[in-house]
PDB file of N, CA and C in Angstrom:
ATOM      1  N   UNK A   1       0.848  -1.173   0.000  1.00  0.00           N
ATOM      2  CA  UNK A   1       0.000   0.000   0.000  1.00  0.00           C
ATOM      3  C   UNK A   1       0.895   1.237   0.000  1.00  0.00           C
ATOM      4  N   UNK A   2       0.579   2.185  -0.831  1.00  0.00           N
ATOM      5  CA  UNK A   2       1.314   3.448  -0.812  1.00  0.00           C
ATOM      6  C   UNK A   2       0.486   4.483  -0.075  1.00  0.00           C
ATOM      7  N   UNK A   3       1.153   5.430   0.529  1.00  0.00           N
ATOM      8  CA  UNK A   3       0.496   6.490   1.278  1.00  0.00           C
ATOM      9  C   UNK A   3       1.089   7.808   0.821  1.00  0.00           C
ATOM     10  N   UNK A   4       0.244   8.691   0.344  1.00  0.00           N
ATOM     11  CA  UNK A   4       0.679  10.009  -0.112  1.00  0.00           C
ATOM     12  C   UNK A   4       0.086  11.074   0.803  1.00  0.00           C
ATOM     13  N   UNK A   5       0.922  11.770   1.583  1.00  0.00           N
ATOM     14  CA  UNK A   5       0.408  12.827   2.454  1.00  0.00           C
ATOM     15  C   UNK A   5      -0.222  13.952   1.632  1.00  0.00           C
ATOM     16  N   UNK A   6      -1.181  14.616   2.217  1.00  0.00           N
ATOM     17  CA  UNK A   6      -1.831  15.756   1.576  1.00  0.00           C
ATOM     18  C   UNK A   6      -1.244  17.060   2.103  1.00  0.00           C
ATOM     19  N   UNK A   7      -1.407  18.110   1.339  1.00  0.00           N
ATOM     20  CA  UNK A   7      -1.041  19.480   1.714  1.00  0.00           C
ATOM     21  C   UNK A   7       0.416  19.550   2.179  1.00  0.00           C
ATOM     22  N   UNK A   8       0.646  20.109   3.376  1.00  0.00           N
ATOM     23  CA  UNK A   8       2.025  20.268   3.865  1.00  0.00           C
ATOM     24  C   UNK A   8       2.385  19.188   4.884  1.00  0.00           C
ATOM     25  N   UNK A   9       1.777  18.024   4.747  1.00  0.00           N
ATOM     26  CA  UNK A   9       2.058  16.916   5.663  1.00  0.00           C
ATOM     27  C   UNK A   9       3.287  16.139   5.200  1.00  0.00           C
ATOM     28  N   UNK A  10       3.997  15.550   6.173  1.00  0.00           N
ATOM     29  CA  UNK A  10       5.221  14.799   5.912  1.00  0.00           C
ATOM     30  C   UNK A  10       5.130  13.469   6.647  1.00  0.00           C
ATOM     31  N   UNK A  11       5.449  12.379   5.968  1.00  0.00           N
ATOM     32  CA  UNK A  11       5.476  11.048   6.567  1.00  0.00           C
ATOM     33  C   UNK A  11       6.916  10.758   6.979  1.00  0.00           C
ATOM     34  N   UNK A  12       7.112  10.385   8.260  1.00  0.00           N
ATOM     35  CA  UNK A  12       8.455  10.257   8.831  1.00  0.00           C
ATOM     36  C   UNK A  12       8.630   8.902   9.506  1.00  0.00           C
ATOM     37  N   UNK A  13       9.800   8.311   9.306  1.00  0.00           N
ATOM     38  CA  UNK A  13      10.198   7.083  10.014  1.00  0.00           C
ATOM     39  C   UNK A  13      11.203   7.505  11.084  1.00  0.00           C
ATOM     40  N   UNK A  14      10.889   7.221  12.350  1.00  0.00           N
ATOM     41  CA  UNK A  14      11.805   7.571  13.439  1.00  0.00           C
ATOM     42  C   UNK A  14      13.135   6.834  13.289  1.00  0.00           C
ATOM     43  N   UNK A  15      14.202   7.499  13.684  1.00  0.00           N
ATOM     44  CA  UNK A  15      15.516   6.862  13.777  1.00  0.00           C
ATOM     45  C   UNK A  15      15.690   6.489  15.239  1.00  0.00           C
ATOM     46  N   UNK A  16      15.791   5.202  15.503  1.00  0.00           N
ATOM     47  CA  UNK A  16      15.877   4.728  16.882  1.00  0.00           C
ATOM     48  C   UNK A  16      17.188   5.149  17.527  1.00  0.00           C
ATOM     49  N   UNK A  17      17.104   5.460  18.832  1.00  0.00           N
ATOM     50  CA  UNK A  17      18.279   5.870  19.593  1.00  0.00           C
ATOM     51  C   UNK A  17      19.158   4.683  19.958  1.00  0.00           C
ATOM     52  N   UNK A  18      20.221   4.972  20.638  1.00  0.00           N
ATOM     53  CA  UNK A  18      21.180   3.952  21.048  1.00  0.00           C
ATOM     54  C   UNK A  18      20.596   3.068  22.151  1.00  0.00           C
ATOM     55  N   UNK A  19      21.009   1.798  22.170  1.00  0.00           N
ATOM     56  CA  UNK A  19      20.597   0.865  23.214  1.00  0.00           C
ATOM     57  C   UNK A  19      21.549   0.881  24.398  1.00  0.00           C
ATOM     58  N   UNK A  20      22.714   1.519  24.226  1.00  0.00           N
ATOM     59  CA  UNK A  20      23.722   1.579  25.286  1.00  0.00           C
ATOM     60  C   UNK A  20      24.195   3.014  25.464  1.00  0.00           C
ATOM     61  N   UNK A  21      24.621   3.318  26.694  1.00  0.00           N
ATOM     62  CA  UNK A  21      25.242   4.610  26.952  1.00  0.00           C
ATOM     63  C   UNK A  21      26.692   4.547  26.488  1.00  0.00           C
ATOM     64  N   UNK A  22      27.367   5.689  26.470  1.00  0.00           N
ATOM     65  CA  UNK A  22      28.780   5.709  26.082  1.00  0.00           C
ATOM     66  C   UNK A  22      29.626   4.876  27.036  1.00  0.00           C
ATOM     67  N   UNK A  23      29.175   4.758  28.290  1.00  0.00           N
ATOM     68  CA  UNK A  23      29.896   3.968  29.284  1.00  0.00           C
ATOM     69  C   UNK A  23      29.609   2.482  29.199  1.00  0.00           C
ATOM     70  N   UNK A  24      28.700   2.074  28.284  1.00  0.00           N
ATOM     71  CA  UNK A  24      28.416   0.656  28.087  1.00  0.00           C
ATOM     72  C   UNK A  24      27.192   0.131  28.811  1.00  0.00           C
ATOM     73  N   UNK A  25      26.472   1.000  29.539  1.00  0.00           N
ATOM     74  CA  UNK A  25      25.262   0.547  30.228  1.00  0.00           C
ATOM     75  C   UNK A  25      24.132   0.360  29.225  1.00  0.00           C
ATOM     76  N   UNK A  26      23.391  -0.716  29.372  1.00  0.00           N
ATOM     77  CA  UNK A  26      22.258  -0.989  28.486  1.00  0.00           C
ATOM     78  C   UNK A  26      21.043  -0.224  28.994  1.00  0.00           C
ATOM     79  N   UNK A  27      20.390   0.484  28.099  1.00  0.00           N
ATOM     80  CA  UNK A  27      19.206   1.273  28.452  1.00  0.00           C
ATOM     81  C   UNK A  27      17.967   0.421  28.191  1.00  0.00           C
ATOM     82  N   UNK A  28      17.143   0.146  29.235  1.00  0.00           N
ATOM     83  CA  UNK A  28      15.929  -0.648  29.003  1.00  0.00           C
ATOM     84  C   UNK A  28      14.906   0.145  28.192  1.00  0.00           C
ATOM     85  N   UNK A  29      14.041  -0.576  27.475  1.00  0.00           N
ATOM     86  CA  UNK A  29      13.024   0.075  26.636  1.00  0.00           C
ATOM     87  C   UNK A  29      12.159   1.043  27.430  1.00  0.00           C
ATOM     88  N   UNK A  30      11.882   0.719  28.697  1.00  0.00           N
ATOM     89  CA  UNK A  30      11.010   1.565  29.512  1.00  0.00           C
ATOM     90  C   UNK A  30      11.655   2.900  29.859  1.00  0.00           C
ATOM     91  N   UNK A  31      12.983   2.987  29.784  1.00  0.00           N
ATOM     92  CA  UNK A  31      13.686   4.222  30.132  1.00  0.00           C
ATOM     93  C   UNK A  31      14.060   5.050  28.910  1.00  0.00           C
ATOM     94  N   UNK A  32      13.872   4.497  27.722  1.00  0.00           N
ATOM     95  CA  UNK A  32      14.245   5.217  26.499  1.00  0.00           C
ATOM     96  C   UNK A  32      13.241   6.317  26.197  1.00  0.00           C
ATOM     97  N   UNK A  33      13.762   7.442  25.732  1.00  0.00           N
ATOM     98  CA  UNK A  33      12.883   8.505  25.245  1.00  0.00           C
ATOM     99  C   UNK A  33      12.621   8.271  23.768  1.00  0.00           C
ATOM    100  N   UNK A  34      11.469   8.733  23.310  1.00  0.00           N
ATOM    101  CA  UNK A  34      11.173   8.616  21.885  1.00  0.00           C
ATOM    102  C   UNK A  34      12.137   9.507  21.117  1.00  0.00           C
ATOM    103  N   UNK A  35      12.736   8.975  20.074  1.00  0.00           N
ATOM    104  CA  UNK A  35      13.688   9.794  19.319  1.00  0.00           C
ATOM    105  C   UNK A  35      12.989  10.939  18.599  1.00  0.00           C
ATOM    106  N   UNK A  36      13.697  12.054  18.487  1.00  0.00           N
ATOM    107  CA  UNK A  36      13.157  13.223  17.795  1.00  0.00           C
ATOM    108  C   UNK A  36      13.879  13.439  16.471  1.00  0.00           C
ATOM    109  N   UNK A  37      14.482  12.367  15.951  1.00  0.00           N
ATOM    110  CA  UNK A  37      15.117  12.411  14.644  1.00  0.00           C
ATOM    111  C   UNK A  37      14.425  11.388  13.760  1.00  0.00           C
ATOM    112  N   UNK A  38      14.374  11.682  12.479  1.00  0.00           N
ATOM    113  CA  UNK A  38      13.727  10.743  11.577  1.00  0.00           C
ATOM    114  C   UNK A  38      14.146  10.954  10.140  1.00  0.00           C
ATOM    115  N   UNK A  39      13.700  10.022   9.309  1.00  0.00           N
ATOM    116  CA  UNK A  39      13.924  10.104   7.869  1.00  0.00           C
ATOM    117  C   UNK A  39      12.591  10.371   7.190  1.00  0.00           C
ATOM    118  N   UNK A  40      12.575  11.313   6.272  1.00  0.00           N
ATOM    119  CA  UNK A  40      11.358  11.632   5.536  1.00  0.00           C
ATOM    120  C   UNK A  40      11.081  10.501   4.547  1.00  0.00           C
ATOM    121  N   UNK A  41       9.884   9.921   4.646  1.00  0.00           N
ATOM    122  CA  UNK A  41       9.470   8.837   3.757  1.00  0.00           C
ATOM    123  C   UNK A  41       8.786   9.414   2.522  1.00  0.00           C
ATOM    124  N   UNK A  42       7.839  10.323   2.745  1.00  0.00           N
ATOM    125  CA  UNK A  42       7.152  10.986   1.632  1.00  0.00           C
ATOM    126  C   UNK A  42       6.629  12.342   2.085  1.00  0.00           C
ATOM    127  N   UNK A  43       6.370  13.205   1.115  1.00  0.00           N
ATOM    128  CA  UNK A  43       5.980  14.589   1.380  1.00  0.00           C
ATOM    129  C   UNK A  43       4.782  14.948   0.518  1.00  0.00           C
ATOM    130  N   UNK A  44       3.853  15.705   1.099  1.00  0.00           N
ATOM    131  CA  UNK A  44       2.714  16.197   0.336  1.00  0.00           C
ATOM    132  C   UNK A  44       3.153  17.279  -0.645  1.00  0.00           C
ATOM    133  N   UNK A  45       2.234  17.741  -1.492  1.00  0.00           N
ATOM    134  CA  UNK A  45       2.584  18.732  -2.517  1.00  0.00           C
ATOM    135  C   UNK A  45       2.914  20.113  -1.961  1.00  0.00           C
ATOM    136  N   UNK A  46       2.499  20.409  -0.730  1.00  0.00           N
ATOM    137  CA  UNK A  46       2.783  21.704  -0.118  1.00  0.00           C
ATOM    138  C   UNK A  46       1.511  22.410   0.304  1.00  0.00           C
ATOM    139  N   UNK A  47       1.691  23.485   1.059  1.00  0.00           N
ATOM    140  CA  UNK A  47       0.564  24.294   1.521  1.00  0.00           C
ATOM    141  C   UNK A  47       0.170  25.278   0.419  1.00  0.00           C
ATOM    142  N   UNK A  48      -0.977  25.889   0.591  1.00  0.00           N
ATOM    143  CA  UNK A  48      -1.435  26.894  -0.378  1.00  0.00           C
ATOM    144  C   UNK A  48      -1.612  28.232   0.324  1.00  0.00           C
ATOM    145  N   UNK A  49      -1.191  29.286  -0.363  1.00  0.00           N
ATOM    146  CA  UNK A  49      -1.425  30.647   0.114  1.00  0.00           C
ATOM    147  C   UNK A  49      -2.904  30.963  -0.070  1.00  0.00           C
ATOM    148  N   UNK A  50      -3.356  32.064   0.512  1.00  0.00           N
ATOM    149  CA  UNK A  50      -4.749  32.489   0.338  1.00  0.00           C
ATOM    150  C   UNK A  50      -5.082  32.716  -1.131  1.00  0.00           C
ATOM    151  N   UNK A  51      -4.087  33.093  -1.919  1.00  0.00           N
ATOM    152  CA  UNK A  51      -4.294  33.335  -3.345  1.00  0.00           C
ATOM    153  C   UNK A  51      -4.412  32.031  -4.139  1.00  0.00           C
ATOM    154  N   UNK A  52      -4.136  30.892  -3.475  1.00  0.00           N
ATOM    155  CA  UNK A  52      -4.196  29.601  -4.151  1.00  0.00           C
ATOM    156  C   UNK A  52      -2.849  29.120  -4.655  1.00  0.00           C
ATOM    157  N   UNK A  53      -1.839  29.990  -4.564  1.00  0.00           N
ATOM    158  CA  UNK A  53      -0.491  29.622  -5.018  1.00  0.00           C
ATOM    159  C   UNK A  53       0.098  28.548  -4.100  1.00  0.00           C
ATOM    160  N   UNK A  54       0.736  27.558  -4.705  1.00  0.00           N
ATOM    161  CA  UNK A  54       1.325  26.447  -3.962  1.00  0.00           C
ATOM    162  C   UNK A  54       2.677  26.850  -3.380  1.00  0.00           C
ATOM    163  N   UNK A  55       2.878  26.547  -2.093  1.00  0.00           N
ATOM    164  CA  UNK A  55       4.168  26.769  -1.435  1.00  0.00           C
ATOM    165  C   UNK A  55       4.861  25.416  -1.378  1.00  0.00           C
ATOM    166  N   UNK A  56       5.925  25.251  -2.147  1.00  0.00           N
ATOM    167  CA  UNK A  56       6.630  23.966  -2.220  1.00  0.00           C
ATOM    168  C   UNK A  56       7.250  23.620  -0.866  1.00  0.00           C
ATOM    169  N   UNK A  57       7.234  22.343  -0.492  1.00  0.00           N
ATOM    170  CA  UNK A  57       7.829  21.936   0.786  1.00  0.00           C
ATOM    171  C   UNK A  57       9.352  22.118   0.783  1.00  0.00           C
ATOM    172  N   UNK A  58       9.914  22.323   1.975  1.00  0.00           N
ATOM    173  CA  UNK A  58      11.359  22.521   2.124  1.00  0.00           C
ATOM    174  C   UNK A  58      12.108  21.214   2.311  1.00  0.00           C
ATOM    175  N   UNK A  59      11.383  20.119   2.546  1.00  0.00           N
ATOM    176  CA  UNK A  59      12.020  18.813   2.745  1.00  0.00           C
ATOM    177  C   UNK A  59      11.637  17.881   1.605  1.00  0.00           C
ATOM    178  N   UNK A  60      12.435  16.821   1.450  1.00  0.00           N
ATOM    179  CA  UNK A  60      12.148  15.831   0.404  1.00  0.00           C
ATOM    180  C   UNK A  60      12.376  14.436   0.974  1.00  0.00           C
ATOM    181  N   UNK A  61      11.900  13.431   0.295  1.00  0.00           N
ATOM    182  CA  UNK A  61      12.097  12.048   0.721  1.00  0.00           C
ATOM    183  C   UNK A  61      13.587  11.772   0.894  1.00  0.00           C
ATOM    184  N   UNK A  62      13.919  11.102   1.993  1.00  0.00           N
ATOM    185  CA  UNK A  62      15.308  10.756   2.276  1.00  0.00           C
ATOM    186  C   UNK A  62      16.022  11.735   3.186  1.00  0.00           C
ATOM    187  N   UNK A  63      15.452  12.935   3.407  1.00  0.00           N
ATOM    188  CA  UNK A  63      16.082  13.906   4.305  1.00  0.00           C
ATOM    189  C   UNK A  63      16.060  13.393   5.741  1.00  0.00           C
ATOM    190  N   UNK A  64      17.156  13.627   6.474  1.00  0.00           N
ATOM    191  CA  UNK A  64      17.214  13.321   7.906  1.00  0.00           C
ATOM    192  C   UNK A  64      16.826  14.597   8.631  1.00  0.00           C
ATOM    193  N   UNK A  65      15.797  14.515   9.484  1.00  0.00           N
ATOM    194  CA  UNK A  65      15.239  15.715  10.103  1.00  0.00           C
ATOM    195  C   UNK A  65      15.238  15.616  11.624  1.00  0.00           C
ATOM    196  N   UNK A  66      15.078  16.772  12.256  1.00  0.00           N
ATOM    197  CA  UNK A  66      14.886  16.893  13.692  1.00  0.00           C
ATOM    198  C   UNK A  66      13.508  17.501  13.893  1.00  0.00           C
ATOM    199  N   UNK A  67      12.726  16.922  14.795  1.00  0.00           N
ATOM    200  CA  UNK A  67      11.382  17.439  15.039  1.00  0.00           C
ATOM    201  C   UNK A  67      11.118  17.504  16.534  1.00  0.00           C
ATOM    202  N   UNK A  68      10.072  18.225  16.920  1.00  0.00           N
ATOM    203  CA  UNK A  68       9.719  18.367  18.322  1.00  0.00           C
ATOM    204  C   UNK A  68       9.329  17.040  18.955  1.00  0.00           C
ATOM    205  N   UNK A  69       9.584  16.925  20.240  1.00  0.00           N
ATOM    206  CA  UNK A  69       9.350  15.684  20.984  1.00  0.00           C
ATOM    207  C   UNK A  69       7.911  15.185  20.852  1.00  0.00           C
ATOM    208  N   UNK A  70       6.963  16.081  20.833  1.00  0.00           N
ATOM    209  CA  UNK A  70       5.543  15.689  20.789  1.00  0.00           C
ATOM    210  C   UNK A  70       4.927  15.931  19.416  1.00  0.00           C
ATOM    211  N   UNK A  71       5.736  16.090  18.402  1.00  0.00           N
ATOM    212  CA  UNK A  71       5.241  16.384  17.053  1.00  0.00           C
ATOM    213  C   UNK A  71       4.612  15.169  16.396  1.00  0.00           C
ATOM    214  N   UNK A  72       3.630  15.430  15.574  1.00  0.00           N
ATOM    215  CA  UNK A  72       3.077  14.399  14.706  1.00  0.00           C
ATOM    216  C   UNK A  72       2.066  13.476  15.352  1.00  0.00           C
ATOM    217  N   UNK A  73       1.476  12.661  14.497  1.00  0.00           N
ATOM    218  CA  UNK A  73       0.506  11.643  14.887  1.00  0.00           C
ATOM    219  C   UNK A  73       1.073  10.292  14.495  1.00  0.00           C
ATOM    220  N   UNK A  74       1.101   9.381  15.450  1.00  0.00           N
ATOM    221  CA  UNK A  74       1.632   8.046  15.169  1.00  0.00           C
ATOM    222  C   UNK A  74       0.624   7.249  14.359  1.00  0.00           C
ATOM    223  N   UNK A  75       1.109   6.612  13.294  1.00  0.00           N
ATOM    224  CA  UNK A  75       0.267   5.746  12.477  1.00  0.00           C
ATOM    225  C   UNK A  75       1.026   4.453  12.206  1.00  0.00           C
ATOM    226  N   UNK A  76       0.306   3.426  11.808  1.00  0.00           N
ATOM    227  CA  UNK A  76       0.926   2.144  11.472  1.00  0.00           C
ATOM    228  C   UNK A  76       0.555   1.827  10.033  1.00  0.00           C
ATOM    229  N   UNK A  77       1.569   1.665   9.178  1.00  0.00           N
ATOM    230  CA  UNK A  77       1.359   1.305   7.778  1.00  0.00           C
ATOM    231  C   UNK A  77       2.128   0.025   7.495  1.00  0.00           C
ATOM    232  N   UNK A  78       1.428  -0.982   7.039  1.00  0.00           N
ATOM    233  CA  UNK A  78       2.037  -2.275   6.711  1.00  0.00           C
ATOM    234  C   UNK A  78       2.919  -2.782   7.847  1.00  0.00           C
ATOM    235  N   UNK A  79       2.438  -2.625   9.085  1.00  0.00           N
ATOM    236  CA  UNK A  79       3.148  -3.120  10.259  1.00  0.00           C
ATOM    237  C   UNK A  79       4.282  -2.240  10.742  1.00  0.00           C
ATOM    238  N   UNK A  80       4.516  -1.111  10.094  1.00  0.00           N
ATOM    239  CA  UNK A  80       5.611  -0.219  10.482  1.00  0.00           C
ATOM    240  C   UNK A  80       5.049   1.019  11.174  1.00  0.00           C
ATOM    241  N   UNK A  81       5.649   1.387  12.318  1.00  0.00           N
ATOM    242  CA  UNK A  81       5.242   2.585  13.046  1.00  0.00           C
ATOM    243  C   UNK A  81       5.873   3.811  12.398  1.00  0.00           C
ATOM    244  N   UNK A  82       5.037   4.756  11.987  1.00  0.00           N
ATOM    245  CA  UNK A  82       5.494   5.982  11.336  1.00  0.00           C
ATOM    246  C   UNK A  82       4.818   7.178  11.990  1.00  0.00           C
ATOM    247  N   UNK A  83       5.266   8.359  11.646  1.00  0.00           N
ATOM    248  CA  UNK A  83       4.655   9.605  12.101  1.00  0.00           C
ATOM    249  C   UNK A  83       4.214  10.406  10.891  1.00  0.00           C
ATOM    250  N   UNK A  84       3.079  11.079  11.028  1.00  0.00           N
ATOM    251  CA  UNK A  84       2.687  12.050  10.015  1.00  0.00           C
ATOM    252  C   UNK A  84       2.576  13.391  10.731  1.00  0.00           C
ATOM    253  N   UNK A  85       3.234  14.402  10.172  1.00  0.00           N
ATOM    254  CA  UNK A  85       3.267  15.706  10.824  1.00  0.00           C
ATOM    255  C   UNK A  85       3.227  16.814   9.785  1.00  0.00           C
ATOM    256  N   UNK A  86       2.907  18.010  10.264  1.00  0.00           N
ATOM    257  CA  UNK A  86       2.962  19.183   9.392  1.00  0.00           C
ATOM    258  C   UNK A  86       4.420  19.574   9.198  1.00  0.00           C
ATOM    259  N   UNK A  87       4.705  20.146   8.071  1.00  0.00           N
ATOM    260  CA  UNK A  87       6.079  20.572   7.801  1.00  0.00           C
ATOM    261  C   UNK A  87       6.559  21.569   8.856  1.00  0.00           C
ATOM    262  N   UNK A  88       5.656  22.373   9.395  1.00  0.00           N
ATOM    263  CA  UNK A  88       6.041  23.369  10.401  1.00  0.00           C
ATOM    264  C   UNK A  88       6.480  22.729  11.721  1.00  0.00           C
ATOM    265  N   UNK A  89       6.180  21.433  11.932  1.00  0.00           N
ATOM    266  CA  UNK A  89       6.648  20.724  13.131  1.00  0.00           C
ATOM    267  C   UNK A  89       8.116  20.325  13.020  1.00  0.00           C
ATOM    268  N   UNK A  90       8.677  20.402  11.825  1.00  0.00           N
ATOM    269  CA  UNK A  90      10.074  20.030  11.603  1.00  0.00           C
ATOM    270  C   UNK A  90      10.959  21.211  11.996  1.00  0.00           C
ATOM    271  N   UNK A  91      11.937  20.932  12.868  1.00  0.00           N
ATOM    272  CA  UNK A  91      12.810  21.988  13.373  1.00  0.00           C
ATOM    273  C   UNK A  91      13.999  22.251  12.462  1.00  0.00           C
ATOM    274  N   UNK A  92      14.436  21.232  11.737  1.00  0.00           N
ATOM    275  CA  UNK A  92      15.580  21.419  10.856  1.00  0.00           C
ATOM    276  C   UNK A  92      15.922  20.155  10.096  1.00  0.00           C
ATOM    277  N   UNK A  93      16.800  20.315   9.112  1.00  0.00           N
ATOM    278  CA  UNK A  93      17.265  19.208   8.273  1.00  0.00           C
ATOM    279  C   UNK A  93      18.766  19.079   8.482  1.00  0.00           C
ATOM    280  N   UNK A  94      19.237  17.853   8.734  1.00  0.00           N
ATOM    281  CA  UNK A  94      20.673  17.616   8.886  1.00  0.00           C
ATOM    282  C   UNK A  94      21.344  17.706   7.522  1.00  0.00           C
ATOM    283  N   UNK A  95      22.491  18.368   7.478  1.00  0.00           N
ATOM    284  CA  UNK A  95      23.220  18.529   6.215  1.00  0.00           C
ATOM    285  C   UNK A  95      24.104  17.331   5.941  1.00  0.00           C
TER     286      UNK A  95
END
């Protein structure tokens, strides 16, 4: 199944954090924070101005992004946990 976000929505796959600390301690799943980094899976066509003009998105598929801790809505597609969020929830793109 393919999923195409609408408007300025972005589909994101979280990048999981480390399972160990730098000192070698294993972090249990219950103590892990949800990662705020992800890879863009797909992007909608963009938002529209009041005049109807399309504003192209600033991110593209494959971009590694940073987003707010509580950003997006969790969805499950083909057994995979993903996030869908507005482009404005994205804080930046890693170069």
